[in-house]
Amino acid sequence: MMRDPEEGLVSRRPQDWSAEEKLRFVAKAETVSDEDLGKLLRRAGLHEADYHAWKKTMVVALKASGKRPGNSKERKAIQKLERELRRKDKALAETAALLVLQGKTQALWGDEGDNT
């Protein structure tokens, strides 16, 4: 028999609930006040600890879903490309600094030619 917290049918243990049922229940519980949460838990035959454990599991899963690093080959390729990019950025900055210094020396001494 399907458990519907709204109807108060209690025919299974909390660990027998499907992931979808847990998700629906947590979503519903988030919309009610603390006082009504107790009533909702009693109608569903759940303890507050079950609800909090389900909620914590869902929060952790949602946070982790945005941090998928991919497989190790992809991760290594990304790290290699990032190292190469940092190296090129440093070389570019060094070249820019040399050009600035060259411009300053030419402005200071002018164009004297190569026989100085």
N, C-alpha and C. Protein backbone atom coordinates (compact mmCIF):
# COMPACT_ATOMS: atom_id res chain seq x y z
N MET A 1 0.85 -1.19 0.00
CA MET A 1 0.00 0.00 0.00
C MET A 1 0.88 1.23 0.00
N MET A 2 0.55 2.19 -0.79
CA MET A 2 1.31 3.43 -0.92
C MET A 2 1.07 4.31 0.29
N ARG A 3 2.10 4.93 0.77
CA ARG A 3 1.98 5.82 1.92
C ARG A 3 1.82 7.24 1.42
N ASP A 4 0.79 7.90 1.85
CA ASP A 4 0.57 9.29 1.48
C ASP A 4 0.48 10.09 2.78
N PRO A 5 1.49 10.92 3.06
CA PRO A 5 1.48 11.68 4.30
C PRO A 5 0.25 12.55 4.46
N GLU A 6 -0.32 13.00 3.36
CA GLU A 6 -1.50 13.84 3.43
C GLU A 6 -2.70 13.08 3.96
N GLU A 7 -2.79 11.80 3.64
CA GLU A 7 -3.94 11.01 4.05
C GLU A 7 -3.70 10.30 5.38
N GLY A 8 -2.45 10.29 5.84
CA GLY A 8 -2.15 9.67 7.11
C GLY A 8 -2.07 8.17 7.06
N LEU A 9 -1.86 7.57 5.88
CA LEU A 9 -1.75 6.13 5.77
C LEU A 9 -0.35 5.70 6.19
N VAL A 10 -0.29 4.85 7.18
CA VAL A 10 1.01 4.38 7.66
C VAL A 10 1.02 2.87 7.51
N SER A 11 1.71 2.40 6.48
CA SER A 11 1.75 0.96 6.27
C SER A 11 3.15 0.43 6.11
N ARG A 12 4.14 1.32 6.11
CA ARG A 12 5.53 0.90 5.93
C ARG A 12 6.43 1.62 6.89
N ARG A 13 7.62 1.05 7.06
CA ARG A 13 8.64 1.69 7.89
C ARG A 13 9.27 2.83 7.10
N PRO A 14 9.87 3.81 7.79
CA PRO A 14 10.51 4.94 7.07
C PRO A 14 11.58 4.49 6.08
N GLN A 15 12.32 3.43 6.41
CA GLN A 15 13.36 2.97 5.50
C GLN A 15 12.80 2.31 4.25
N ASP A 16 11.50 2.04 4.22
CA ASP A 16 10.88 1.44 3.05
C ASP A 16 10.35 2.49 2.06
N TRP A 17 10.44 3.76 2.43
CA TRP A 17 9.97 4.82 1.54
C TRP A 17 10.91 4.91 0.34
N SER A 18 10.36 5.21 -0.81
CA SER A 18 11.19 5.41 -2.00
C SER A 18 11.83 6.80 -1.93
N ALA A 19 12.86 7.00 -2.73
CA ALA A 19 13.53 8.30 -2.77
C ALA A 19 12.55 9.40 -3.17
N GLU A 20 11.68 9.08 -4.13
CA GLU A 20 10.70 10.08 -4.58
C GLU A 20 9.74 10.46 -3.46
N GLU A 21 9.31 9.47 -2.67
CA GLU A 21 8.40 9.75 -1.56
C GLU A 21 9.10 10.61 -0.51
N LYS A 22 10.36 10.29 -0.23
CA LYS A 22 11.12 11.08 0.74
C LYS A 22 11.27 12.52 0.26
N LEU A 23 11.59 12.67 -1.02
CA LEU A 23 11.75 14.00 -1.58
C LEU A 23 10.45 14.80 -1.49
N ARG A 24 9.34 14.17 -1.85
CA ARG A 24 8.04 14.86 -1.76
C ARG A 24 7.73 15.25 -0.33
N PHE A 25 8.02 14.33 0.62
CA PHE A 25 7.72 14.62 2.02
C PHE A 25 8.57 15.78 2.53
N VAL A 26 9.88 15.76 2.23
CA VAL A 26 10.76 16.84 2.70
C VAL A 26 10.33 18.18 2.09
N ALA A 27 9.97 18.14 0.81
CA ALA A 27 9.50 19.38 0.16
C ALA A 27 8.24 19.89 0.83
N LYS A 28 7.32 18.99 1.14
CA LYS A 28 6.07 19.37 1.81
C LYS A 28 6.37 19.90 3.21
N ALA A 29 7.27 19.22 3.94
CA ALA A 29 7.59 19.61 5.31
C ALA A 29 8.24 20.98 5.36
N GLU A 30 8.96 21.36 4.33
CA GLU A 30 9.61 22.67 4.30
C GLU A 30 8.60 23.81 4.17
N THR A 31 7.40 23.50 3.76
CA THR A 31 6.40 24.55 3.55
C THR A 31 5.51 24.79 4.77
N VAL A 32 5.66 23.96 5.79
CA VAL A 32 4.76 24.08 6.95
C VAL A 32 5.51 24.68 8.14
N SER A 33 4.76 25.18 9.11
CA SER A 33 5.35 25.74 10.32
C SER A 33 5.86 24.60 11.21
N ASP A 34 6.62 24.96 12.25
CA ASP A 34 7.14 23.95 13.17
C ASP A 34 6.01 23.17 13.84
N GLU A 35 4.96 23.87 14.22
CA GLU A 35 3.82 23.22 14.87
C GLU A 35 3.15 22.23 13.90
N ASP A 36 2.96 22.66 12.67
CA ASP A 36 2.33 21.79 11.68
C ASP A 36 3.25 20.66 11.24
N LEU A 37 4.57 20.87 11.38
CA LEU A 37 5.52 19.80 11.05
C LEU A 37 5.31 18.60 11.96
N GLY A 38 5.11 18.86 13.23
CA GLY A 38 4.85 17.76 14.17
C GLY A 38 3.61 16.98 13.78
N LYS A 39 2.57 17.69 13.40
CA LYS A 39 1.33 17.02 12.98
C LYS A 39 1.57 16.20 11.71
N LEU A 40 2.30 16.77 10.77
CA LEU A 40 2.60 16.08 9.52
C LEU A 40 3.41 14.82 9.78
N LEU A 41 4.38 14.92 10.67
CA LEU A 41 5.20 13.75 11.01
C LEU A 41 4.36 12.66 11.66
N ARG A 42 3.48 13.04 12.56
CA ARG A 42 2.62 12.04 13.21
C ARG A 42 1.70 11.36 12.22
N ARG A 43 1.10 12.14 11.31
CA ARG A 43 0.21 11.55 10.30
C ARG A 43 0.95 10.56 9.40
N ALA A 44 2.20 10.87 9.13
CA ALA A 44 2.99 10.01 8.24
C ALA A 44 3.65 8.86 8.99
N GLY A 45 3.60 8.89 10.33
CA GLY A 45 4.22 7.83 11.11
C GLY A 45 5.73 7.93 11.14
N LEU A 46 6.24 9.14 11.07
CA LEU A 46 7.69 9.37 11.04
C LEU A 46 8.16 10.04 12.31
N HIS A 47 9.42 9.80 12.64
CA HIS A 47 10.06 10.53 13.73
C HIS A 47 10.74 11.75 13.13
N GLU A 48 10.94 12.74 13.96
CA GLU A 48 11.61 13.96 13.50
C GLU A 48 13.04 13.66 13.02
N ALA A 49 13.68 12.68 13.65
CA ALA A 49 15.04 12.30 13.26
C ALA A 49 15.07 11.77 11.82
N ASP A 50 14.02 11.01 11.43
CA ASP A 50 13.95 10.52 10.05
C ASP A 50 13.90 11.69 9.07
N TYR A 51 13.04 12.64 9.38
CA TYR A 51 12.88 13.81 8.51
C TYR A 51 14.20 14.57 8.38
N HIS A 52 14.87 14.82 9.52
CA HIS A 52 16.11 15.59 9.48
C HIS A 52 17.21 14.82 8.75
N ALA A 53 17.25 13.50 8.90
CA ALA A 53 18.25 12.70 8.18
C ALA A 53 18.00 12.77 6.68
N TRP A 54 16.74 12.67 6.26
CA TRP A 54 16.40 12.75 4.84
C TRP A 54 16.78 14.13 4.29
N LYS A 55 16.45 15.16 5.04
CA LYS A 55 16.74 16.52 4.60
C LYS A 55 18.24 16.73 4.45
N LYS A 56 19.02 16.26 5.44
CA LYS A 56 20.46 16.41 5.39
C LYS A 56 21.04 15.67 4.19
N THR A 57 20.55 14.45 3.94
CA THR A 57 21.01 13.68 2.79
C THR A 57 20.74 14.42 1.49
N MET A 58 19.58 15.02 1.37
CA MET A 58 19.22 15.75 0.15
C MET A 58 20.07 17.00 -0.02
N VAL A 59 20.34 17.70 1.05
CA VAL A 59 21.18 18.91 0.97
C VAL A 59 22.60 18.54 0.54
N VAL A 60 23.15 17.48 1.14
CA VAL A 60 24.50 17.04 0.78
C VAL A 60 24.54 16.62 -0.68
N ALA A 61 23.52 15.89 -1.13
CA ALA A 61 23.48 15.44 -2.52
C ALA A 61 23.38 16.61 -3.49
N LEU A 62 22.60 17.62 -3.14
CA LEU A 62 22.46 18.79 -4.00
C LEU A 62 23.76 19.58 -4.07
N LYS A 63 24.46 19.69 -2.95
CA LYS A 63 25.74 20.40 -2.96
C LYS A 63 26.76 19.64 -3.78
N ALA A 64 26.76 18.34 -3.66
CA ALA A 64 27.74 17.52 -4.39
C ALA A 64 27.44 17.47 -5.89
N SER A 65 26.19 17.65 -6.26
CA SER A 65 25.83 17.54 -7.68
C SER A 65 26.47 18.64 -8.51
N GLY A 66 26.81 19.75 -7.91
CA GLY A 66 27.45 20.83 -8.64
C GLY A 66 28.96 20.71 -8.70
N LYS A 67 29.52 19.71 -8.07
CA LYS A 67 30.97 19.57 -7.99
C LYS A 67 31.44 18.27 -8.62
N ARG A 68 30.98 17.96 -9.77
CA ARG A 68 31.39 16.72 -10.42
C ARG A 68 32.70 16.93 -11.16
N PRO A 69 33.78 16.32 -10.68
CA PRO A 69 35.08 16.57 -11.28
C PRO A 69 35.32 15.83 -12.58
N GLY A 70 34.49 14.89 -12.93
CA GLY A 70 34.73 14.10 -14.14
C GLY A 70 35.68 12.98 -13.85
N ASN A 71 36.06 12.25 -14.88
CA ASN A 71 36.98 11.14 -14.64
C ASN A 71 38.40 11.65 -14.50
N SER A 72 39.30 10.77 -14.12
CA SER A 72 40.67 11.19 -13.82
C SER A 72 41.40 11.69 -15.06
N LYS A 73 41.12 11.13 -16.24
CA LYS A 73 41.77 11.62 -17.46
C LYS A 73 41.38 13.06 -17.75
N GLU A 74 40.11 13.36 -17.60
CA GLU A 74 39.64 14.73 -17.82
C GLU A 74 40.26 15.68 -16.79
N ARG A 75 40.31 15.24 -15.55
CA ARG A 75 40.86 16.06 -14.48
C ARG A 75 42.34 16.35 -14.74
N LYS A 76 43.08 15.33 -15.16
CA LYS A 76 44.51 15.52 -15.46
C LYS A 76 44.70 16.45 -16.65
N ALA A 77 43.85 16.30 -17.67
CA ALA A 77 43.95 17.17 -18.84
C ALA A 77 43.67 18.62 -18.46
N ILE A 78 42.68 18.82 -17.62
CA ILE A 78 42.35 20.17 -17.16
C ILE A 78 43.50 20.76 -16.37
N GLN A 79 44.10 19.97 -15.47
CA GLN A 79 45.23 20.47 -14.68
C GLN A 79 46.40 20.82 -15.58
N LYS A 80 46.66 20.00 -16.60
CA LYS A 80 47.76 20.27 -17.52
C LYS A 80 47.52 21.57 -18.27
N LEU A 81 46.29 21.76 -18.75
CA LEU A 81 45.95 22.98 -19.47
C LEU A 81 46.05 24.21 -18.56
N GLU A 82 45.64 24.05 -17.31
CA GLU A 82 45.74 25.18 -16.37
C GLU A 82 47.19 25.55 -16.10
N ARG A 83 48.07 24.53 -15.96
CA ARG A 83 49.50 24.82 -15.77
C ARG A 83 50.07 25.54 -16.99
N GLU A 84 49.72 25.07 -18.17
CA GLU A 84 50.20 25.69 -19.41
C GLU A 84 49.71 27.14 -19.51
N LEU A 85 48.46 27.37 -19.13
CA LEU A 85 47.91 28.73 -19.16
C LEU A 85 48.64 29.64 -18.19
N ARG A 86 48.93 29.15 -16.98
CA ARG A 86 49.68 29.96 -16.01
C ARG A 86 51.07 30.29 -16.53
N ARG A 87 51.73 29.31 -17.15
CA ARG A 87 53.06 29.53 -17.71
C ARG A 87 53.03 30.59 -18.79
N LYS A 88 52.03 30.52 -19.66
CA LYS A 88 51.92 31.50 -20.74
C LYS A 88 51.56 32.88 -20.21
N ASP A 89 50.74 32.93 -19.18
CA ASP A 89 50.40 34.22 -18.57
C ASP A 89 51.65 34.88 -17.98
N LYS A 90 52.49 34.08 -17.33
CA LYS A 90 53.74 34.63 -16.77
C LYS A 90 54.65 35.13 -17.88
N ALA A 91 54.78 34.37 -18.96
CA ALA A 91 55.64 34.78 -20.07
C ALA A 91 55.11 36.06 -20.70
N LEU A 92 53.80 36.17 -20.84
CA LEU A 92 53.20 37.37 -21.41
C LEU A 92 53.45 38.59 -20.52
N ALA A 93 53.31 38.40 -19.23
CA ALA A 93 53.55 39.50 -18.30
C ALA A 93 55.02 39.94 -18.35
N GLU A 94 55.93 38.98 -18.45
CA GLU A 94 57.35 39.31 -18.55
C GLU A 94 57.65 40.07 -19.83
N THR A 95 57.07 39.64 -20.94
CA THR A 95 57.27 40.32 -22.22
C THR A 95 56.72 41.74 -22.18
N ALA A 96 55.56 41.90 -21.59
CA ALA A 96 54.97 43.23 -21.47
C ALA A 96 55.86 44.14 -20.63
N ALA A 97 56.42 43.61 -19.56
CA ALA A 97 57.30 44.41 -18.71
C ALA A 97 58.56 44.82 -19.47
N LEU A 98 59.12 43.91 -20.26
CA LEU A 98 60.30 44.23 -21.06
C LEU A 98 60.01 45.30 -22.10
N LEU A 99 58.83 45.24 -22.72
CA LEU A 99 58.45 46.26 -23.70
C LEU A 99 58.29 47.62 -23.04
N VAL A 100 57.74 47.65 -21.87
CA VAL A 100 57.58 48.92 -21.14
C VAL A 100 58.96 49.48 -20.81
N LEU A 101 59.85 48.63 -20.33
CA LEU A 101 61.21 49.09 -20.02
C LEU A 101 61.94 49.58 -21.27
N GLN A 102 61.76 48.88 -22.38
CA GLN A 102 62.38 49.29 -23.63
C GLN A 102 61.87 50.65 -24.06
N GLY A 103 60.59 50.86 -23.93
CA GLY A 103 60.00 52.15 -24.28
C GLY A 103 60.54 53.26 -23.40
N LYS A 104 60.71 52.98 -22.11
CA LYS A 104 61.23 53.99 -21.18
C LYS A 104 62.69 54.32 -21.49
N THR A 105 63.48 53.31 -21.80
CA THR A 105 64.88 53.59 -22.12
C THR A 105 65.01 54.39 -23.41
N GLN A 106 64.18 54.09 -24.39
CA GLN A 106 64.21 54.87 -25.64
C GLN A 106 63.77 56.30 -25.39
N ALA A 107 62.80 56.49 -24.53
CA ALA A 107 62.34 57.84 -24.22
C ALA A 107 63.42 58.60 -23.44
N LEU A 108 64.15 57.91 -22.59
CA LEU A 108 65.17 58.54 -21.78
C LEU A 108 66.41 58.89 -22.60
N TRP A 109 66.89 57.97 -23.44
CA TRP A 109 68.12 58.19 -24.19
C TRP A 109 67.88 58.57 -25.64
N GLY A 110 66.66 58.38 -26.10
CA GLY A 110 66.34 58.73 -27.49
C GLY A 110 66.89 57.69 -28.45
N ASP A 111 66.73 57.92 -29.72
CA ASP A 111 67.25 57.04 -30.77
C ASP A 111 68.67 57.42 -31.10
N GLU A 112 69.65 56.78 -30.49
CA GLU A 112 71.05 57.10 -30.75
C GLU A 112 71.64 56.20 -31.83
N GLY A 113 70.93 55.18 -32.21
CA GLY A 113 71.47 54.27 -33.22
C GLY A 113 72.19 53.11 -32.58
N ASP A 114 72.77 52.27 -33.42
CA ASP A 114 73.42 51.05 -32.94
C ASP A 114 74.88 51.24 -32.57
N ASN A 115 75.54 52.34 -32.90
CA ASN A 115 76.97 52.50 -32.67
C ASN A 115 77.30 53.17 -31.34
N THR A 116 76.52 53.00 -30.33
CA THR A 116 76.80 53.61 -29.03
C THR A 116 77.61 52.75 -28.16
